[in-house]
Amino acid sequence: MELDARLALLTLVAASLFLWPILAYGRPGYIQDSAAYYKGGHMAVAYVLDKVEPARAVPPAAGPGASPHPAGAGAAEIRGARSVAYSLAAFIFGAPNAKMWLLCAFQALATGFLGAATLLLFANQERKLWRKLAVLAVASPVAFVACLAIPDIFAGLVVLAIALVAVTYERMSAGVRTVTILIAAAGIAFHASHLPIALAMTLAAIGWLAFDAWRRAPVPRQQWAWVIAPFVLGAAATVASNFVAFGGASLTGKRYPLTLARSVAEGPGKWYLEKNCDHLKYAICEVYPHSVPSSINEFLWGSNGIKERATPEQMDRIRAEESEVVLAATRAYPLVELNRFALNFARQLVRFEPGAAVLDSRIVLDPQGTPQLEPASYDRFWTTLVHWLTIISVSISVLVLFRRFLADGSSRPLIWLIVV
């Protein structure tokens, strides 16, 4: 498959189809993080412009949720910040008026490219590809997730991109492979949680290549390099952006301790800390010696949350100690953790609605030109329709993929890698 007009046209068709929720609702989907990403990107650009040409520096955005940046404070004073790479993307593609329509168009193009490439590689009848893309746009959550002003869509794109390079290397031109890898690398840099996803997927792909080499013939040396390239490039971009922003090379940067927050919200983390903080020396126990907030939002960003109460030095220690605290809480309450995991997994499989909690707000500019979220209503007809169409399409897809897995050897590795 070449990087040609056919692929470009199909990518544009797919991207256009994936943008239909914006046309239906007149805005992307937002959460509080959306505005924070834009503000963080604004500050990053202001910082760079101030270094290049101080007189023309962009005035940094302010307001709740803004990600602190060295433009206004030393790196040691930063409590927490979201992905530097995605913050820059949110600001650069922030038009119009910080509503980030262009950001969603960028995400739709990336999704459209990988979707089009996958269909061209595996579809039997090329003339019907646009129909399959249309079904994907309305009978799955893909379009709604692509139209969210947050980087969630890239988690799936990272998985698909690495799988494609692993199993269709010889059928992809160097140009197609390069674009695929760049999309995956960007996706890895766009959110801290995408790095372990990419690592797991890369290890699975390496395992498949090793098995394939043992079963048939040696795998070309270049293919090994292409398979690990997304993880290496994504990790390098993350380290570089964190070094520039915070003055130190790090894969995690100044991320917020989301895993600890979830453990606290689900019970074990909160119970473990409240029971043992009187003799533990964790930084989180210095911030909350007796009672820990019980929800993710309260724990992280509430008026009594760690963003307000912890010092920058304590936040650094909380991040460093996060895995140790979470593992200790899991060991203390293993059955509860297992039960919560099973319930959450089942709930996310059957209880979902595209657009839920993301279409009930919109971005407006305050008098200072800073984007803020305000409540908004929306028609649930389209979200409900896509909800039920997704259930139907997933049920049908499971049967179709199972039959294809048994009958078509060429698609079997891709299905195996993505499912596993």
Protein backbone atom coordinates (compact mmCIF):
# COMPACT_ATOMS: atom_id res chain seq x y z
CA MET A 1 0.00 0.00 0.00
CA GLU A 2 1.40 3.34 -1.10
CA LEU A 3 1.09 6.83 0.32
CA ASP A 4 -0.93 7.91 -2.71
CA ALA A 5 -4.03 9.82 -3.78
CA ARG A 6 -6.28 6.84 -3.07
CA LEU A 7 -5.22 6.68 0.58
CA ALA A 8 -5.32 10.48 0.91
CA LEU A 9 -8.87 10.67 -0.49
CA LEU A 10 -10.11 7.85 1.73
CA THR A 11 -8.47 9.53 4.75
CA LEU A 12 -10.28 12.80 4.00
CA VAL A 13 -13.59 10.96 3.59
CA ALA A 14 -13.06 9.16 6.89
CA ALA A 15 -12.06 12.35 8.72
CA SER A 16 -15.14 14.16 7.39
CA LEU A 17 -17.39 11.33 8.56
CA PHE A 18 -15.76 11.26 11.99
CA LEU A 19 -16.47 14.98 12.48
CA TRP A 20 -20.25 14.63 12.25
CA PRO A 21 -20.82 15.05 16.05
CA ILE A 22 -19.37 18.58 15.84
CA LEU A 23 -21.80 19.42 13.04
CA ALA A 24 -24.70 17.85 14.94
CA TYR A 25 -24.01 19.64 18.24
CA GLY A 26 -22.13 22.72 17.08
CA ARG A 27 -19.16 22.09 19.37
CA PRO A 28 -16.63 19.44 20.40
CA GLY A 29 -16.97 17.54 23.65
CA TYR A 30 -15.21 19.11 26.62
CA ILE A 31 -14.22 18.29 30.16
CA GLN A 32 -12.31 20.51 32.59
CA ASP A 33 -9.05 19.10 31.24
CA SER A 34 -9.85 20.51 27.79
CA ALA A 35 -9.58 24.12 28.92
CA ALA A 36 -6.55 23.25 31.05
CA TYR A 37 -4.72 21.76 28.06
CA TYR A 38 -5.34 24.94 26.05
CA LYS A 39 -4.16 27.17 28.89
CA GLY A 40 -1.05 25.06 29.41
CA GLY A 41 -0.22 25.29 25.71
CA HIS A 42 -0.76 29.05 25.81
CA MET A 43 1.71 29.35 28.66
CA ALA A 44 4.25 27.14 26.87
CA VAL A 45 4.10 29.28 23.74
CA ALA A 46 4.37 32.45 25.85
CA TYR A 47 7.45 31.01 27.52
CA VAL A 48 9.14 30.23 24.19
CA LEU A 49 8.25 33.60 22.66
CA ASP A 50 9.53 35.37 25.75
CA LYS A 51 12.90 33.65 25.30
CA VAL A 52 13.03 34.40 21.57
CA GLU A 53 11.63 37.94 21.55
CA PRO A 54 10.57 39.28 24.97
CA ALA A 55 8.76 42.33 23.61
CA ARG A 56 6.32 40.23 21.61
CA ALA A 57 5.61 37.48 24.12
CA VAL A 58 2.06 36.18 24.25
CA PRO A 59 0.43 37.06 27.61
CA PRO A 60 -0.05 33.79 29.48
CA ALA A 61 -3.53 32.48 30.12
CA ALA A 62 -4.76 32.38 33.66
CA GLY A 63 -7.69 30.97 35.54
CA PRO A 64 -8.77 27.71 37.15
CA GLY A 65 -7.27 24.59 35.69
CA ALA A 66 -4.31 26.25 34.01
CA SER A 67 -1.22 24.09 33.94
CA PRO A 68 1.63 25.94 35.66
CA HIS A 69 4.67 26.59 33.51
CA PRO A 70 8.14 27.99 33.99
CA ALA A 71 7.07 31.14 32.13
CA GLY A 72 5.66 32.39 35.41
CA ALA A 73 7.45 30.26 37.96
CA GLY A 74 10.50 28.10 38.40
CA ALA A 75 10.16 24.43 37.54
CA ALA A 76 10.64 23.55 41.21
CA GLU A 77 7.49 25.54 42.07
CA ILE A 78 5.20 23.60 39.72
CA ARG A 79 2.76 21.34 41.55
CA GLY A 80 1.32 19.52 38.55
CA ALA A 81 0.86 19.78 34.82
CA ARG A 82 -0.71 17.83 32.01
CA SER A 83 1.04 16.57 28.88
CA VAL A 84 3.23 19.31 27.42
CA ALA A 85 2.91 17.87 23.91
CA TYR A 86 -0.89 17.75 23.93
CA SER A 87 -1.11 21.16 25.58
CA LEU A 88 0.88 22.60 22.69
CA ALA A 89 -1.37 20.81 20.18
CA ALA A 90 -4.48 22.14 21.93
CA PHE A 91 -3.21 25.71 21.70
CA ILE A 92 -1.82 25.47 18.16
CA PHE A 93 -5.07 23.90 16.91
CA GLY A 94 -7.23 25.94 19.28
CA ALA A 95 -9.22 27.82 16.63
CA PRO A 96 -11.81 29.18 16.62
CA ASN A 97 -11.66 31.20 19.86
CA ALA A 98 -10.10 28.42 21.95
CA LYS A 99 -12.97 26.04 21.08
CA MET A 100 -10.47 23.60 19.55
CA TRP A 101 -12.38 22.60 16.43
CA LEU A 102 -9.08 22.32 14.56
CA LEU A 103 -7.74 20.03 17.28
CA CYS A 104 -10.66 17.67 16.69
CA ALA A 105 -10.08 17.89 12.92
CA PHE A 106 -6.45 16.90 13.53
CA GLN A 107 -7.61 13.94 15.64
CA ALA A 108 -10.16 12.95 12.99
CA LEU A 109 -7.45 13.02 10.30
CA ALA A 110 -5.16 10.78 12.36
CA THR A 111 -8.05 8.39 13.04
CA GLY A 112 -9.14 8.53 9.42
CA PHE A 113 -5.65 7.72 8.14
CA LEU A 114 -5.27 4.61 10.28
CA GLY A 115 -8.86 3.55 9.60
CA ALA A 116 -8.42 3.97 5.85
CA ALA A 117 -5.06 2.18 5.88
CA THR A 118 -6.51 -0.76 7.82
CA LEU A 119 -9.42 -1.14 5.40
CA LEU A 120 -7.17 -0.92 2.34
CA LEU A 121 -4.91 -3.58 3.81
CA PHE A 122 -7.65 -6.03 4.74
CA ALA A 123 -10.88 -5.21 2.87
CA ASN A 124 -11.97 -7.51 0.08
CA GLN A 125 -13.86 -4.93 -2.02
CA GLU A 126 -12.32 -1.47 -2.25
CA ARG A 127 -15.43 0.07 -3.81
CA LYS A 128 -17.37 -0.40 -0.57
CA LEU A 129 -14.78 1.08 1.78
CA TRP A 130 -16.58 4.39 2.26
CA ARG A 131 -19.66 2.48 3.44
CA LYS A 132 -17.62 0.70 6.07
CA LEU A 133 -16.18 4.01 7.22
CA ALA A 134 -19.70 5.44 7.46
CA VAL A 135 -20.78 2.48 9.59
CA LEU A 136 -17.72 2.99 11.81
CA ALA A 137 -18.64 6.67 12.20
CA VAL A 138 -22.25 6.12 13.31
CA ALA A 139 -22.23 2.61 14.80
CA SER A 140 -19.25 3.01 17.13
CA PRO A 141 -18.02 5.66 19.59
CA VAL A 142 -15.05 6.51 17.32
CA ALA A 143 -16.51 9.75 15.96
CA PHE A 144 -17.55 11.00 19.40
CA VAL A 145 -14.13 10.21 20.90
CA ALA A 146 -12.32 11.87 17.98
CA CYS A 147 -14.42 14.98 18.64
CA LEU A 148 -13.40 15.24 22.30
CA ALA A 149 -10.88 17.97 23.08
CA ILE A 150 -8.79 15.51 25.10
CA PRO A 151 -6.26 12.91 23.87
CA ASP A 152 -8.30 9.75 24.61
CA ILE A 153 -8.66 8.73 20.94
CA PHE A 154 -4.90 8.28 20.69
CA ALA A 155 -4.88 5.33 23.11
CA GLY A 156 -6.69 3.25 20.50
CA LEU A 157 -4.61 4.68 17.67
CA VAL A 158 -1.38 3.68 19.44
CA VAL A 159 -2.60 0.09 19.75
CA LEU A 160 -3.73 -0.09 16.12
CA ALA A 161 -0.61 1.57 14.71
CA ILE A 162 1.84 -0.77 16.45
CA ALA A 163 -0.25 -3.80 15.46
CA LEU A 164 -0.34 -2.70 11.81
CA VAL A 165 3.42 -2.21 11.60
CA ALA A 166 3.99 -5.60 13.23
CA VAL A 167 1.73 -7.68 10.97
CA THR A 168 1.59 -5.77 7.66
CA TYR A 169 5.13 -4.41 7.45
CA GLU A 170 5.87 -5.86 4.01
CA ARG A 171 2.58 -4.62 2.55
CA MET A 172 3.07 -1.00 3.66
CA SER A 173 5.30 1.45 1.84
CA ALA A 174 7.94 3.36 3.79
CA GLY A 175 5.77 6.48 3.57
CA VAL A 176 2.71 4.77 5.06
CA ARG A 177 4.81 3.22 7.81
CA THR A 178 6.36 6.60 8.61
CA VAL A 179 3.00 8.35 8.98
CA THR A 180 1.67 5.44 11.05
CA ILE A 181 4.65 5.58 13.40
CA LEU A 182 4.46 9.36 13.77
CA ILE A 183 0.78 9.13 14.74
CA ALA A 184 1.61 6.47 17.33
CA ALA A 185 4.59 8.42 18.70
CA ALA A 186 2.49 11.57 19.04
CA GLY A 187 -0.23 9.57 20.78
CA ILE A 188 2.29 8.23 23.29
CA ALA A 189 3.55 11.73 24.07
CA PHE A 190 0.01 13.10 24.41
CA HIS A 191 -0.84 11.37 27.72
CA ALA A 192 1.16 9.69 30.48
CA SER A 193 -1.15 6.64 30.49
CA HIS A 194 -0.42 5.95 26.81
CA LEU A 195 3.22 5.13 27.55
CA PRO A 196 2.53 1.86 29.43
CA ILE A 197 -0.11 0.97 26.82
CA ALA A 198 2.51 1.42 24.10
CA LEU A 199 5.08 -0.58 26.05
CA ALA A 200 2.67 -3.49 26.53
CA MET A 201 1.67 -3.37 22.86
CA THR A 202 5.30 -3.21 21.72
CA LEU A 203 6.19 -6.24 23.84
CA ALA A 204 3.20 -8.13 22.43
CA ALA A 205 4.26 -7.21 18.89
CA ILE A 206 7.84 -8.32 19.56
CA GLY A 207 6.48 -11.59 20.93
CA TRP A 208 4.46 -12.09 17.77
CA LEU A 209 7.46 -11.37 15.54
CA ALA A 210 9.60 -13.81 17.52
CA PHE A 211 6.92 -16.48 17.18
CA ASP A 212 6.54 -15.76 13.47
CA ALA A 213 10.31 -15.95 12.98
CA TRP A 214 10.44 -19.30 14.78
CA ARG A 215 7.46 -20.65 12.83
CA ARG A 216 8.37 -19.49 9.31
CA ALA A 217 11.45 -17.44 8.48
CA PRO A 218 13.69 -14.82 10.07
CA VAL A 219 12.05 -11.41 10.43
CA PRO A 220 13.87 -8.61 8.56
CA ARG A 221 16.06 -6.58 10.89
CA GLN A 222 14.40 -3.37 9.73
CA GLN A 223 11.00 -4.64 10.84
CA TRP A 224 12.16 -4.99 14.44
CA ALA A 225 13.30 -1.37 14.33
CA TRP A 226 10.01 -0.15 12.84
CA VAL A 227 8.00 -1.99 15.52
CA ILE A 228 9.86 -0.43 18.44
CA ALA A 229 10.13 3.00 16.78
CA PRO A 230 6.76 4.37 18.03
CA PHE A 231 7.62 3.63 21.66
CA VAL A 232 11.17 4.98 21.35
CA LEU A 233 10.09 8.17 19.56
CA GLY A 234 7.12 8.74 21.86
CA ALA A 235 9.22 8.23 24.99
CA ALA A 236 11.96 10.50 23.61
CA ALA A 237 9.44 13.23 22.80
CA THR A 238 8.01 12.94 26.31
CA VAL A 239 11.43 13.17 27.96
CA ALA A 240 12.47 16.10 25.77
CA SER A 241 9.28 18.10 26.37
CA ASN A 242 9.48 17.50 30.12
CA PHE A 243 13.13 18.56 30.14
CA VAL A 244 12.33 21.83 28.38
CA ALA A 245 9.24 22.52 30.49
CA PHE A 246 10.40 21.41 33.93
CA GLY A 247 14.19 21.41 33.77
CA GLY A 248 14.65 17.67 34.19
CA ALA A 249 14.55 14.61 31.93
CA SER A 250 11.57 12.50 32.96
CA LEU A 251 8.99 10.17 31.43
CA THR A 252 6.33 11.26 33.90
CA GLY A 253 6.96 15.00 34.18
CA LYS A 254 4.66 16.76 36.63
CA ARG A 255 1.65 14.53 36.04
CA TYR A 256 -1.11 14.31 38.62
CA PRO A 257 -1.24 11.03 40.62
CA LEU A 258 -4.35 9.66 38.92
CA THR A 259 -3.74 6.02 39.88
CA LEU A 260 -3.54 6.94 43.56
CA ALA A 261 -6.64 9.11 43.21
CA ARG A 262 -8.58 6.19 41.74
CA SER A 263 -7.40 3.85 44.49
CA VAL A 264 -8.55 6.39 47.07
CA ALA A 265 -11.92 6.91 45.37
CA GLU A 266 -12.57 3.16 45.15
CA GLY A 267 -11.83 2.65 48.84
CA PRO A 268 -8.61 0.66 49.40
CA GLY A 269 -6.28 3.64 49.05
CA LYS A 270 -8.36 5.77 51.41
CA TRP A 271 -8.77 3.00 54.00
CA TYR A 272 -5.08 2.09 53.90
CA LEU A 273 -3.90 5.67 54.35
CA GLU A 274 -6.38 6.58 57.08
CA LYS A 275 -5.52 3.40 58.98
CA ASN A 276 -1.73 3.66 58.67
CA CYS A 277 -0.78 7.31 58.15
CA ASP A 278 -0.01 7.76 61.83
CA HIS A 279 3.15 5.67 61.38
CA LEU A 280 3.86 5.99 57.64
CA LYS A 281 6.26 8.60 56.27
CA TYR A 282 4.64 9.10 52.87
CA ALA A 283 4.21 12.66 51.61
CA ILE A 284 0.48 12.07 51.17
CA CYS A 285 0.28 11.40 54.92
CA GLU A 286 1.85 14.79 55.61
CA VAL A 287 -0.89 16.41 53.55
CA TYR A 288 -3.71 14.27 55.00
CA PRO A 289 -2.65 12.91 58.40
CA HIS A 290 -6.20 11.88 59.34
CA SER A 291 -8.87 12.06 56.62
CA VAL A 292 -8.40 11.72 52.85
CA PRO A 293 -10.93 13.15 50.33
CA SER A 294 -13.11 10.38 48.93
CA SER A 295 -13.54 11.27 45.24
CA ILE A 296 -11.08 11.74 42.40
CA ASN A 297 -12.03 15.36 41.78
CA GLU A 298 -11.92 16.26 45.49
CA PHE A 299 -8.61 14.45 45.98
CA LEU A 300 -6.88 16.07 43.01
CA TRP A 301 -8.46 19.42 42.27
CA GLY A 302 -10.96 20.29 45.01
CA SER A 303 -10.52 23.14 47.46
CA ASN A 304 -9.17 20.54 49.91
CA GLY A 305 -7.31 18.60 47.20
CA ILE A 306 -3.60 18.01 46.84
CA LYS A 307 -3.31 20.71 44.18
CA GLU A 308 -4.24 23.28 46.84
CA ARG A 309 -2.76 21.70 49.98
CA ALA A 310 0.47 20.02 48.89
CA THR A 311 3.66 21.97 48.34
CA PRO A 312 5.58 21.46 45.08
CA GLU A 313 8.15 19.38 46.99
CA GLN A 314 5.39 17.21 48.48
CA MET A 315 3.80 16.76 45.04
CA ASP A 316 7.10 15.47 43.66
CA ARG A 317 7.30 12.96 46.50
CA ILE A 318 3.66 11.94 46.08
CA ARG A 319 4.36 11.14 42.43
CA ALA A 320 7.50 9.19 43.34
CA GLU A 321 5.70 7.21 46.07
CA GLU A 322 2.44 6.67 44.15
CA SER A 323 3.08 3.11 42.94
CA GLU A 324 4.33 2.03 46.37
CA VAL A 325 1.21 3.37 48.10
CA VAL A 326 -1.16 1.84 45.53
CA LEU A 327 0.54 -1.57 45.73
CA ALA A 328 0.45 -1.48 49.53
CA ALA A 329 -3.27 -0.66 49.45
CA THR A 330 -3.86 -3.49 46.98
CA ARG A 331 -2.03 -5.96 49.21
CA ALA A 332 -4.06 -4.79 52.19
CA TYR A 333 -7.41 -5.18 50.40
CA PRO A 334 -6.83 -7.62 47.50
CA LEU A 335 -10.40 -8.93 47.24
CA VAL A 336 -11.85 -5.43 47.25
CA GLU A 337 -9.45 -4.35 44.49
CA LEU A 338 -10.30 -7.43 42.42
CA ASN A 339 -14.01 -6.83 42.91
CA ARG A 340 -13.70 -3.14 41.96
CA PHE A 341 -11.68 -4.04 38.86
CA ALA A 342 -14.23 -6.62 37.70
CA LEU A 343 -17.17 -4.27 38.33
CA ASN A 344 -15.51 -1.36 36.55
CA PHE A 345 -14.59 -3.54 33.59
CA ALA A 346 -18.13 -4.89 33.27
CA ARG A 347 -19.67 -1.45 33.80
CA GLN A 348 -17.57 0.13 31.07
CA LEU A 349 -18.51 -2.64 28.66
CA VAL A 350 -22.28 -2.33 29.07
CA ARG A 351 -22.97 1.08 30.65
CA PHE A 352 -21.77 3.78 28.37
CA GLU A 353 -23.22 6.58 26.30
CA PRO A 354 -21.27 8.55 23.70
CA GLY A 355 -21.15 12.17 24.76
CA ALA A 356 -22.09 11.55 28.38
CA ALA A 357 -20.48 14.14 30.69
CA VAL A 358 -18.66 15.79 27.78
CA LEU A 359 -21.47 17.44 25.81
CA ASP A 360 -23.04 19.07 28.86
CA SER A 361 -20.58 21.98 28.77
CA ARG A 362 -19.10 24.41 26.29
CA ILE A 363 -16.12 26.74 26.21
CA VAL A 364 -16.55 30.50 26.44
CA LEU A 365 -13.97 33.24 26.81
CA ASP A 366 -14.00 35.36 29.95
CA PRO A 367 -13.26 39.13 29.77
CA GLN A 368 -9.52 38.38 29.90
CA GLY A 369 -9.81 36.04 26.90
CA THR A 370 -9.25 32.91 28.99
CA PRO A 371 -11.32 29.83 28.05
CA GLN A 372 -13.73 28.64 30.74
CA LEU A 373 -16.35 25.89 30.82
CA GLU A 374 -20.00 26.73 31.30
CA PRO A 375 -22.99 24.35 31.46
CA ALA A 376 -24.82 23.59 28.22
CA SER A 377 -27.74 21.39 27.22
CA TYR A 378 -27.73 18.92 24.35
CA ASP A 379 -30.16 16.70 22.45
CA ARG A 380 -29.71 13.07 23.49
CA PHE A 381 -31.22 11.67 20.28
CA TRP A 382 -27.89 11.19 18.51
CA THR A 383 -26.02 9.91 21.56
CA THR A 384 -28.78 7.40 22.30
CA LEU A 385 -28.89 6.28 18.66
CA VAL A 386 -25.12 5.72 18.53
CA HIS A 387 -25.30 3.94 21.88
CA TRP A 388 -27.70 1.29 20.59
CA LEU A 389 -26.07 1.05 17.17
CA THR A 390 -22.75 0.41 18.91
CA ILE A 391 -24.21 -2.44 20.94
CA ILE A 392 -25.61 -4.00 17.78
CA SER A 393 -22.43 -3.48 15.75
CA VAL A 394 -20.17 -4.86 18.48
CA SER A 395 -22.32 -7.99 18.74
CA ILE A 396 -22.16 -8.49 14.98
CA SER A 397 -18.45 -7.64 14.82
CA VAL A 398 -17.55 -10.29 17.38
CA LEU A 399 -19.15 -12.96 15.20
CA VAL A 400 -17.62 -11.58 11.99
CA LEU A 401 -14.14 -11.32 13.50
CA PHE A 402 -14.38 -14.83 14.92
CA ARG A 403 -15.32 -16.24 11.51
CA ARG A 404 -12.56 -14.22 9.84
CA PHE A 405 -10.07 -15.33 12.47
CA LEU A 406 -10.83 -18.94 11.58
CA ALA A 407 -11.02 -18.49 7.80
CA ASP A 408 -8.51 -15.76 6.91
CA GLY A 409 -4.93 -16.31 7.96
CA SER A 410 -3.79 -12.87 6.80
CA SER A 411 -5.96 -10.99 9.32
CA ARG A 412 -5.46 -13.44 12.18
CA PRO A 413 -2.28 -11.80 13.61
CA LEU A 414 -3.87 -8.33 13.67
CA ILE A 415 -6.99 -9.61 15.44
CA TRP A 416 -4.88 -11.57 17.92
CA LEU A 417 -2.62 -8.63 18.76
CA ILE A 418 -5.42 -6.09 19.24
CA VAL A 419 -7.67 -8.40 21.28
CA VAL A 420 -4.87 -9.70 23.50
